[in-house]
Amino acid sequence: MKTVFVTVGTTSFDELIERITSSETAQALKARGYERLVLQVGRGSLLPAADSCPHIKLEAYRFKASLAEDIKQADLVISHAGAGSCLEALGAGKSLLVVVNDKLMDNHQLELAEQLCMDSHSLYCTCSTLTETLKTMDLSVLQPFLPGQPKHFANFLDKALGV
């Protein structure tokens, strides 16, 4: 069963959870062949019920000790732009769509998302462009991010954040 895993890490990103479970976005996922949507909602106020998304099988939870199994089972990972979440998905060799929270004041997330995209490791969007991005994205352009090289990732982060 083709699966999308959405993670917000330890934060609250209700806007992403709201958008991904909207009828229009769920239909866009279904049109791309995704049948299952697993949401890790963190500290957010939204914890969607399994029957709240009519077009797709939905599971939602707040936290688990590890996201590794959900990431491993996913065909697509949609993540907030937290470095840890992005690195975990890329390290597992998964197609990654980063959703930048443009409501955050000091937005280092945008810099990280832009750099990952420029290096062809992921795609990125905001909540307002998520549905359209899902309809038009071409995951075949993505290049693997080679795991196990912490120095490379540190250099990458420095470059992304302009350090």
N, C-alpha and C. Protein backbone atom coordinates (compact mmCIF):
# COMPACT_ATOMS: atom_id res chain seq x y z
N MET A 1 0.84 -1.18 0.00
CA MET A 1 0.00 0.00 0.00
C MET A 1 0.89 1.25 0.00
N LYS A 2 0.74 2.07 -1.01
CA LYS A 2 1.58 3.26 -1.17
C LYS A 2 1.28 4.27 -0.06
N THR A 3 2.34 4.64 0.71
CA THR A 3 2.16 5.38 1.95
C THR A 3 2.89 6.72 1.96
N VAL A 4 2.24 7.73 2.53
CA VAL A 4 2.84 9.02 2.80
C VAL A 4 2.97 9.15 4.31
N PHE A 5 4.16 9.50 4.77
CA PHE A 5 4.38 9.75 6.20
C PHE A 5 4.65 11.23 6.38
N VAL A 6 3.89 11.86 7.27
CA VAL A 6 4.03 13.28 7.56
C VAL A 6 4.55 13.43 8.98
N THR A 7 5.62 14.21 9.16
CA THR A 7 6.16 14.44 10.51
C THR A 7 6.36 15.92 10.78
N VAL A 8 6.01 16.31 12.00
CA VAL A 8 6.27 17.68 12.45
C VAL A 8 7.30 17.69 13.58
N GLY A 9 7.91 16.51 13.85
CA GLY A 9 8.91 16.43 14.91
C GLY A 9 8.29 16.71 16.27
N THR A 10 9.02 17.40 17.12
CA THR A 10 8.52 17.68 18.47
C THR A 10 7.72 18.97 18.54
N THR A 11 7.55 19.63 17.40
CA THR A 11 6.90 20.93 17.38
C THR A 11 5.38 20.82 17.21
N SER A 12 4.76 21.94 17.02
CA SER A 12 3.35 22.03 16.69
C SER A 12 3.26 22.69 15.32
N PHE A 13 2.59 22.06 14.38
CA PHE A 13 2.45 22.61 13.03
C PHE A 13 1.06 22.24 12.53
N ASP A 14 0.04 22.75 13.23
CA ASP A 14 -1.35 22.43 12.92
C ASP A 14 -1.72 22.77 11.48
N GLU A 15 -1.14 23.84 10.96
CA GLU A 15 -1.49 24.26 9.60
C GLU A 15 -1.15 23.15 8.60
N LEU A 16 -0.02 22.48 8.79
CA LEU A 16 0.36 21.37 7.91
C LEU A 16 -0.61 20.20 8.06
N ILE A 17 -0.96 19.86 9.29
CA ILE A 17 -1.86 18.73 9.54
C ILE A 17 -3.25 19.03 8.94
N GLU A 18 -3.69 20.26 9.13
CA GLU A 18 -4.98 20.68 8.57
C GLU A 18 -4.97 20.58 7.04
N ARG A 19 -3.90 21.06 6.42
CA ARG A 19 -3.81 21.09 4.96
C ARG A 19 -3.69 19.69 4.38
N ILE A 20 -2.86 18.84 4.99
CA ILE A 20 -2.63 17.51 4.42
C ILE A 20 -3.89 16.64 4.52
N THR A 21 -4.75 16.91 5.51
CA THR A 21 -5.97 16.12 5.66
C THR A 21 -7.18 16.77 5.00
N SER A 22 -6.97 17.90 4.34
CA SER A 22 -8.09 18.55 3.64
C SER A 22 -8.52 17.66 2.47
N SER A 23 -9.76 17.77 2.10
CA SER A 23 -10.31 16.95 1.02
C SER A 23 -9.51 17.12 -0.28
N GLU A 24 -9.19 18.36 -0.61
CA GLU A 24 -8.47 18.64 -1.86
C GLU A 24 -7.07 17.99 -1.87
N THR A 25 -6.36 18.09 -0.75
CA THR A 25 -5.02 17.52 -0.68
C THR A 25 -5.08 15.99 -0.66
N ALA A 26 -6.03 15.44 0.09
CA ALA A 26 -6.18 13.98 0.13
C ALA A 26 -6.51 13.44 -1.27
N GLN A 27 -7.32 14.17 -2.02
CA GLN A 27 -7.63 13.76 -3.40
C GLN A 27 -6.38 13.82 -4.28
N ALA A 28 -5.53 14.84 -4.06
CA ALA A 28 -4.28 14.95 -4.84
C ALA A 28 -3.37 13.76 -4.53
N LEU A 29 -3.31 13.35 -3.27
CA LEU A 29 -2.50 12.18 -2.91
C LEU A 29 -3.06 10.92 -3.55
N LYS A 30 -4.36 10.76 -3.46
CA LYS A 30 -5.03 9.59 -4.04
C LYS A 30 -4.78 9.52 -5.55
N ALA A 31 -4.84 10.69 -6.22
CA ALA A 31 -4.62 10.75 -7.66
C ALA A 31 -3.20 10.31 -8.03
N ARG A 32 -2.27 10.45 -7.10
CA ARG A 32 -0.88 10.03 -7.33
C ARG A 32 -0.64 8.60 -6.88
N GLY A 33 -1.70 7.92 -6.47
CA GLY A 33 -1.58 6.50 -6.11
C GLY A 33 -1.33 6.22 -4.64
N TYR A 34 -1.30 7.25 -3.81
CA TYR A 34 -1.09 7.02 -2.37
C TYR A 34 -2.42 6.60 -1.75
N GLU A 35 -2.34 5.56 -0.91
CA GLU A 35 -3.56 5.00 -0.30
C GLU A 35 -3.57 5.16 1.21
N ARG A 36 -2.42 5.46 1.79
CA ARG A 36 -2.31 5.50 3.25
C ARG A 36 -1.55 6.75 3.66
N LEU A 37 -2.03 7.41 4.71
CA LEU A 37 -1.43 8.63 5.22
C LEU A 37 -1.19 8.45 6.72
N VAL A 38 0.08 8.52 7.13
CA VAL A 38 0.43 8.38 8.54
C VAL A 38 0.95 9.73 9.02
N LEU A 39 0.32 10.26 10.08
CA LEU A 39 0.66 11.59 10.58
C LEU A 39 1.29 11.50 11.96
N GLN A 40 2.42 12.16 12.13
CA GLN A 40 3.02 12.34 13.44
C GLN A 40 2.82 13.83 13.74
N VAL A 41 1.92 14.13 14.69
CA VAL A 41 1.44 15.50 14.88
C VAL A 41 2.10 16.26 16.02
N GLY A 42 3.01 15.62 16.76
CA GLY A 42 3.73 16.33 17.81
C GLY A 42 2.83 16.97 18.84
N ARG A 43 3.16 18.21 19.21
CA ARG A 43 2.42 18.91 20.26
C ARG A 43 1.23 19.68 19.73
N GLY A 44 0.90 19.50 18.48
CA GLY A 44 -0.20 20.25 17.88
C GLY A 44 -1.54 20.00 18.55
N SER A 45 -2.48 20.90 18.34
CA SER A 45 -3.80 20.74 18.93
C SER A 45 -4.67 19.78 18.11
N LEU A 46 -4.25 19.47 16.88
CA LEU A 46 -5.02 18.57 16.02
C LEU A 46 -4.49 17.14 16.10
N LEU A 47 -5.40 16.20 16.33
CA LEU A 47 -5.08 14.77 16.23
C LEU A 47 -6.24 14.15 15.45
N PRO A 48 -6.13 14.18 14.10
CA PRO A 48 -7.26 13.76 13.26
C PRO A 48 -7.68 12.31 13.52
N ALA A 49 -8.98 12.09 13.50
CA ALA A 49 -9.53 10.74 13.67
C ALA A 49 -9.33 9.95 12.38
N ALA A 50 -9.26 8.63 12.52
CA ALA A 50 -9.01 7.75 11.38
C ALA A 50 -10.04 7.92 10.27
N ASP A 51 -11.27 8.29 10.63
CA ASP A 51 -12.32 8.41 9.62
C ASP A 51 -12.51 9.85 9.12
N SER A 52 -11.57 10.74 9.45
CA SER A 52 -11.75 12.16 9.10
C SER A 52 -11.26 12.50 7.69
N CYS A 53 -10.68 11.53 7.02
CA CYS A 53 -10.11 11.77 5.69
C CYS A 53 -10.69 10.73 4.73
N PRO A 54 -11.79 11.05 4.05
CA PRO A 54 -12.54 10.03 3.31
C PRO A 54 -11.81 9.40 2.13
N HIS A 55 -10.83 10.06 1.56
CA HIS A 55 -10.21 9.55 0.33
C HIS A 55 -9.03 8.61 0.56
N ILE A 56 -8.58 8.50 1.82
CA ILE A 56 -7.31 7.82 2.05
C ILE A 56 -7.32 7.22 3.46
N LYS A 57 -6.64 6.09 3.65
CA LYS A 57 -6.56 5.46 4.98
C LYS A 57 -5.65 6.33 5.85
N LEU A 58 -6.16 6.74 7.01
CA LEU A 58 -5.45 7.70 7.86
C LEU A 58 -5.11 7.12 9.22
N GLU A 59 -3.87 7.35 9.65
CA GLU A 59 -3.44 7.02 11.01
C GLU A 59 -2.74 8.25 11.55
N ALA A 60 -2.96 8.56 12.84
CA ALA A 60 -2.32 9.74 13.42
C ALA A 60 -1.90 9.44 14.86
N TYR A 61 -0.75 9.98 15.25
CA TYR A 61 -0.28 9.85 16.63
C TYR A 61 0.59 11.07 16.95
N ARG A 62 0.83 11.28 18.23
CA ARG A 62 1.62 12.44 18.65
C ARG A 62 3.12 12.15 18.61
N PHE A 63 3.56 11.16 19.38
CA PHE A 63 4.99 10.85 19.48
C PHE A 63 5.20 9.34 19.53
N LYS A 64 6.36 8.91 19.09
CA LYS A 64 6.83 7.54 19.26
C LYS A 64 8.30 7.65 19.65
N ALA A 65 8.83 6.60 20.22
CA ALA A 65 10.25 6.60 20.60
C ALA A 65 11.13 6.78 19.36
N SER A 66 10.68 6.22 18.24
CA SER A 66 11.44 6.33 16.99
C SER A 66 10.48 6.41 15.81
N LEU A 67 10.86 7.24 14.84
CA LEU A 67 10.07 7.36 13.61
C LEU A 67 10.62 6.46 12.51
N ALA A 68 11.69 5.74 12.81
CA ALA A 68 12.40 4.97 11.79
C ALA A 68 11.49 4.00 11.03
N GLU A 69 10.60 3.30 11.72
CA GLU A 69 9.74 2.32 11.06
C GLU A 69 8.74 3.00 10.14
N ASP A 70 8.16 4.13 10.58
CA ASP A 70 7.22 4.86 9.73
C ASP A 70 7.93 5.41 8.50
N ILE A 71 9.14 5.91 8.68
CA ILE A 71 9.91 6.43 7.54
C ILE A 71 10.24 5.29 6.58
N LYS A 72 10.66 4.15 7.13
CA LYS A 72 11.02 2.99 6.30
C LYS A 72 9.84 2.52 5.45
N GLN A 73 8.62 2.55 6.01
CA GLN A 73 7.43 2.07 5.30
C GLN A 73 6.90 3.09 4.29
N ALA A 74 7.36 4.33 4.37
CA ALA A 74 6.81 5.40 3.54
C ALA A 74 7.41 5.39 2.13
N ASP A 75 6.56 5.73 1.17
CA ASP A 75 7.02 5.96 -0.20
C ASP A 75 7.38 7.42 -0.39
N LEU A 76 6.77 8.28 0.41
CA LEU A 76 7.04 9.72 0.40
C LEU A 76 6.99 10.21 1.83
N VAL A 77 8.00 11.01 2.23
CA VAL A 77 7.99 11.65 3.54
C VAL A 77 7.73 13.14 3.32
N ILE A 78 6.75 13.65 4.04
CA ILE A 78 6.48 15.09 4.05
C ILE A 78 6.84 15.55 5.46
N SER A 79 7.78 16.48 5.54
CA SER A 79 8.32 16.86 6.84
C SER A 79 8.35 18.37 7.02
N HIS A 80 8.24 18.79 8.28
CA HIS A 80 8.57 20.17 8.61
C HIS A 80 10.07 20.33 8.31
N ALA A 81 10.57 21.53 8.31
CA ALA A 81 11.96 21.75 7.90
C ALA A 81 12.94 21.67 9.06
N GLY A 82 12.68 20.79 10.00
CA GLY A 82 13.64 20.55 11.08
C GLY A 82 14.78 19.71 10.54
N ALA A 83 16.01 20.10 10.87
CA ALA A 83 17.18 19.40 10.33
C ALA A 83 17.17 17.92 10.68
N GLY A 84 16.80 17.58 11.91
CA GLY A 84 16.80 16.17 12.33
C GLY A 84 15.82 15.34 11.52
N SER A 85 14.62 15.84 11.34
CA SER A 85 13.60 15.11 10.58
C SER A 85 14.01 14.94 9.12
N CYS A 86 14.55 16.01 8.54
CA CYS A 86 14.99 15.95 7.14
C CYS A 86 16.12 14.95 6.97
N LEU A 87 17.09 15.01 7.87
CA LEU A 87 18.25 14.12 7.78
C LEU A 87 17.83 12.66 7.94
N GLU A 88 16.88 12.40 8.85
CA GLU A 88 16.44 11.02 9.05
C GLU A 88 15.77 10.46 7.79
N ALA A 89 14.92 11.27 7.17
CA ALA A 89 14.24 10.81 5.95
C ALA A 89 15.23 10.62 4.80
N LEU A 90 16.12 11.59 4.63
CA LEU A 90 17.11 11.48 3.54
C LEU A 90 18.07 10.33 3.78
N GLY A 91 18.46 10.14 5.04
CA GLY A 91 19.37 9.05 5.39
C GLY A 91 18.77 7.69 5.10
N ALA A 92 17.43 7.63 5.15
CA ALA A 92 16.72 6.37 4.86
C ALA A 92 16.47 6.21 3.36
N GLY A 93 16.93 7.19 2.57
CA GLY A 93 16.79 7.10 1.12
C GLY A 93 15.39 7.39 0.62
N LYS A 94 14.62 8.14 1.36
CA LYS A 94 13.22 8.40 0.98
C LYS A 94 13.07 9.69 0.20
N SER A 95 12.08 9.72 -0.69
CA SER A 95 11.69 10.96 -1.36
C SER A 95 11.14 11.88 -0.28
N LEU A 96 11.59 13.14 -0.32
CA LEU A 96 11.25 14.07 0.75
C LEU A 96 10.67 15.36 0.18
N LEU A 97 9.53 15.75 0.75
CA LEU A 97 8.93 17.05 0.48
C LEU A 97 8.94 17.81 1.80
N VAL A 98 9.67 18.91 1.84
CA VAL A 98 9.79 19.71 3.05
C VAL A 98 8.75 20.83 2.99
N VAL A 99 7.98 20.96 4.06
CA VAL A 99 6.98 22.03 4.14
C VAL A 99 7.48 23.05 5.16
N VAL A 100 7.78 24.23 4.66
CA VAL A 100 8.33 25.30 5.50
C VAL A 100 7.19 26.00 6.23
N ASN A 101 7.37 26.18 7.52
CA ASN A 101 6.39 26.92 8.31
C ASN A 101 6.71 28.40 8.17
N ASP A 102 6.03 29.07 7.25
CA ASP A 102 6.35 30.48 6.98
C ASP A 102 5.78 31.43 8.03
N LYS A 103 5.19 30.86 9.09
CA LYS A 103 4.69 31.70 10.19
C LYS A 103 5.77 31.90 11.26
N LEU A 104 6.86 31.15 11.17
CA LEU A 104 7.94 31.29 12.15
C LEU A 104 8.70 32.58 11.90
N MET A 105 9.08 33.26 12.98
CA MET A 105 9.75 34.56 12.87
C MET A 105 11.13 34.46 12.23
N ASP A 106 12.03 33.76 12.90
CA ASP A 106 13.42 33.67 12.45
C ASP A 106 13.53 32.39 11.63
N ASN A 107 13.32 32.48 10.32
CA ASN A 107 13.08 31.28 9.55
C ASN A 107 14.33 30.63 8.95
N HIS A 108 15.07 29.92 9.80
CA HIS A 108 16.21 29.13 9.31
C HIS A 108 15.71 27.94 8.50
N GLN A 109 14.46 27.55 8.74
CA GLN A 109 13.89 26.41 8.02
C GLN A 109 13.89 26.65 6.52
N LEU A 110 13.57 27.85 6.12
CA LEU A 110 13.53 28.16 4.69
C LEU A 110 14.91 27.98 4.07
N GLU A 111 15.95 28.43 4.76
CA GLU A 111 17.32 28.30 4.24
C GLU A 111 17.70 26.83 4.06
N LEU A 112 17.35 26.00 5.05
CA LEU A 112 17.64 24.57 4.95
C LEU A 112 16.87 23.94 3.79
N ALA A 113 15.59 24.26 3.70
CA ALA A 113 14.75 23.69 2.62
C ALA A 113 15.26 24.12 1.25
N GLU A 114 15.62 25.38 1.11
CA GLU A 114 16.13 25.87 -0.18
C GLU A 114 17.43 25.17 -0.56
N GLN A 115 18.32 24.98 0.41
CA GLN A 115 19.60 24.33 0.12
C GLN A 115 19.40 22.87 -0.27
N LEU A 116 18.53 22.16 0.45
CA LEU A 116 18.25 20.76 0.10
C LEU A 116 17.67 20.66 -1.30
N CYS A 117 16.85 21.64 -1.66
CA CYS A 117 16.24 21.65 -2.99
C CYS A 117 17.28 22.00 -4.06
N MET A 118 18.10 23.00 -3.79
CA MET A 118 19.15 23.38 -4.76
C MET A 118 20.09 22.22 -5.04
N ASP A 119 20.35 21.41 -4.02
CA ASP A 119 21.22 20.24 -4.19
C ASP A 119 20.45 19.01 -4.67
N SER A 120 19.18 19.18 -5.02
CA SER A 120 18.31 18.12 -5.57
C SER A 120 18.08 16.94 -4.62
N HIS A 121 18.13 17.22 -3.31
CA HIS A 121 17.85 16.15 -2.34
C HIS A 121 16.38 16.10 -1.95
N SER A 122 15.69 17.23 -2.07
CA SER A 122 14.28 17.26 -1.70
C SER A 122 13.58 18.37 -2.47
N LEU A 123 12.26 18.34 -2.38
CA LEU A 123 11.43 19.43 -2.88
C LEU A 123 10.93 20.19 -1.66
N TYR A 124 10.49 21.42 -1.84
CA TYR A 124 9.89 22.11 -0.71
C TYR A 124 8.77 23.03 -1.15
N CYS A 125 7.91 23.37 -0.18
CA CYS A 125 6.77 24.24 -0.41
C CYS A 125 6.35 24.83 0.93
N THR A 126 5.28 25.59 0.91
CA THR A 126 4.65 26.07 2.15
C THR A 126 3.28 25.40 2.23
N CYS A 127 2.59 25.60 3.33
CA CYS A 127 1.25 25.01 3.45
C CYS A 127 0.33 25.50 2.34
N SER A 128 0.46 26.76 1.99
CA SER A 128 -0.44 27.32 0.97
C SER A 128 -0.18 26.75 -0.42
N THR A 129 1.01 26.23 -0.68
CA THR A 129 1.32 25.65 -1.99
C THR A 129 1.41 24.12 -1.96
N LEU A 130 1.10 23.50 -0.82
CA LEU A 130 1.26 22.05 -0.66
C LEU A 130 0.44 21.26 -1.67
N THR A 131 -0.84 21.55 -1.78
CA THR A 131 -1.70 20.76 -2.67
C THR A 131 -1.21 20.84 -4.11
N GLU A 132 -0.91 22.04 -4.56
CA GLU A 132 -0.42 22.22 -5.94
C GLU A 132 0.91 21.50 -6.14
N THR A 133 1.79 21.57 -5.14
CA THR A 133 3.09 20.87 -5.23
C THR A 133 2.88 19.37 -5.36
N LEU A 134 1.97 18.81 -4.57
CA LEU A 134 1.70 17.37 -4.65
C LEU A 134 1.16 16.98 -6.02
N LYS A 135 0.38 17.85 -6.62
CA LYS A 135 -0.18 17.56 -7.95
C LYS A 135 0.89 17.58 -9.04
N THR A 136 1.89 18.45 -8.90
CA THR A 136 2.84 18.69 -10.00
C THR A 136 4.25 18.15 -9.75
N MET A 137 4.54 17.67 -8.56
CA MET A 137 5.92 17.29 -8.21
C MET A 137 6.44 16.15 -9.09
N ASP A 138 7.75 16.20 -9.33
CA ASP A 138 8.44 15.15 -10.08
C ASP A 138 9.54 14.60 -9.18
N LEU A 139 9.24 13.51 -8.49
CA LEU A 139 10.19 12.94 -7.54
C LEU A 139 11.40 12.30 -8.23
N SER A 140 11.31 12.07 -9.53
CA SER A 140 12.41 11.41 -10.24
C SER A 140 13.64 12.32 -10.34
N VAL A 141 13.49 13.60 -10.10
CA VAL A 141 14.64 14.51 -10.20
C VAL A 141 15.50 14.49 -8.94
N LEU A 142 15.02 13.85 -7.88
CA LEU A 142 15.74 13.88 -6.61
C LEU A 142 16.97 12.98 -6.63
N GLN A 143 18.04 13.48 -6.02
CA GLN A 143 19.29 12.74 -5.91
C GLN A 143 19.44 12.22 -4.48
N PRO A 144 20.00 11.02 -4.31
CA PRO A 144 20.16 10.50 -2.95
C PRO A 144 21.13 11.37 -2.13
N PHE A 145 20.83 11.46 -0.86
CA PHE A 145 21.72 12.12 0.10
C PHE A 145 22.50 11.00 0.75
N LEU A 146 23.81 11.02 0.61
CA LEU A 146 24.61 9.90 1.11
C LEU A 146 24.73 9.96 2.63
N PRO A 147 24.17 8.97 3.33
CA PRO A 147 24.21 8.97 4.78
C PRO A 147 25.59 8.59 5.32
N GLY A 148 25.74 8.75 6.60
CA GLY A 148 26.96 8.29 7.27
C GLY A 148 28.14 9.22 7.09
N GLN A 149 27.89 10.47 6.73
CA GLN A 149 28.99 11.42 6.57
C GLN A 149 28.65 12.69 7.36
N PRO A 150 28.76 12.62 8.71
CA PRO A 150 28.35 13.75 9.55
C PRO A 150 29.10 15.05 9.21
N LYS A 151 30.37 14.94 8.79
CA LYS A 151 31.11 16.15 8.47
C LYS A 151 30.49 16.84 7.24
N HIS A 152 30.10 16.03 6.25
CA HIS A 152 29.45 16.60 5.06
C HIS A 152 28.15 17.29 5.44
N PHE A 153 27.38 16.64 6.35
CA PHE A 153 26.12 17.25 6.75
C PHE A 153 26.36 18.54 7.53
N ALA A 154 27.37 18.54 8.38
CA ALA A 154 27.70 19.76 9.14
C ALA A 154 28.09 20.88 8.17
N ASN A 155 28.90 20.56 7.17
CA ASN A 155 29.28 21.56 6.16
C ASN A 155 28.05 22.03 5.39
N PHE A 156 27.18 21.08 5.06
CA PHE A 156 25.95 21.41 4.34
C PHE A 156 25.10 22.38 5.16
N LEU A 157 24.93 22.07 6.47
CA LEU A 157 24.13 22.95 7.33
C LEU A 157 24.75 24.34 7.42
N ASP A 158 26.09 24.38 7.56
CA ASP A 158 26.77 25.68 7.61
C ASP A 158 26.48 26.48 6.35
N LYS A 159 26.55 25.80 5.20
CA LYS A 159 26.29 26.47 3.93
C LYS A 159 24.83 26.95 3.86
N ALA A 160 23.92 26.07 4.28
CA ALA A 160 22.50 26.41 4.22
C ALA A 160 22.16 27.59 5.12
N LEU A 161 22.81 27.65 6.26
CA LEU A 161 22.50 28.70 7.23
C LEU A 161 23.42 29.90 7.11
N GLY A 162 24.31 29.87 6.12
CA GLY A 162 25.19 31.00 5.87
C GLY A 162 26.23 31.23 6.96
N VAL A 163 26.65 30.17 7.62
CA VAL A 163 27.65 30.29 8.70
C VAL A 163 29.05 30.29 8.14
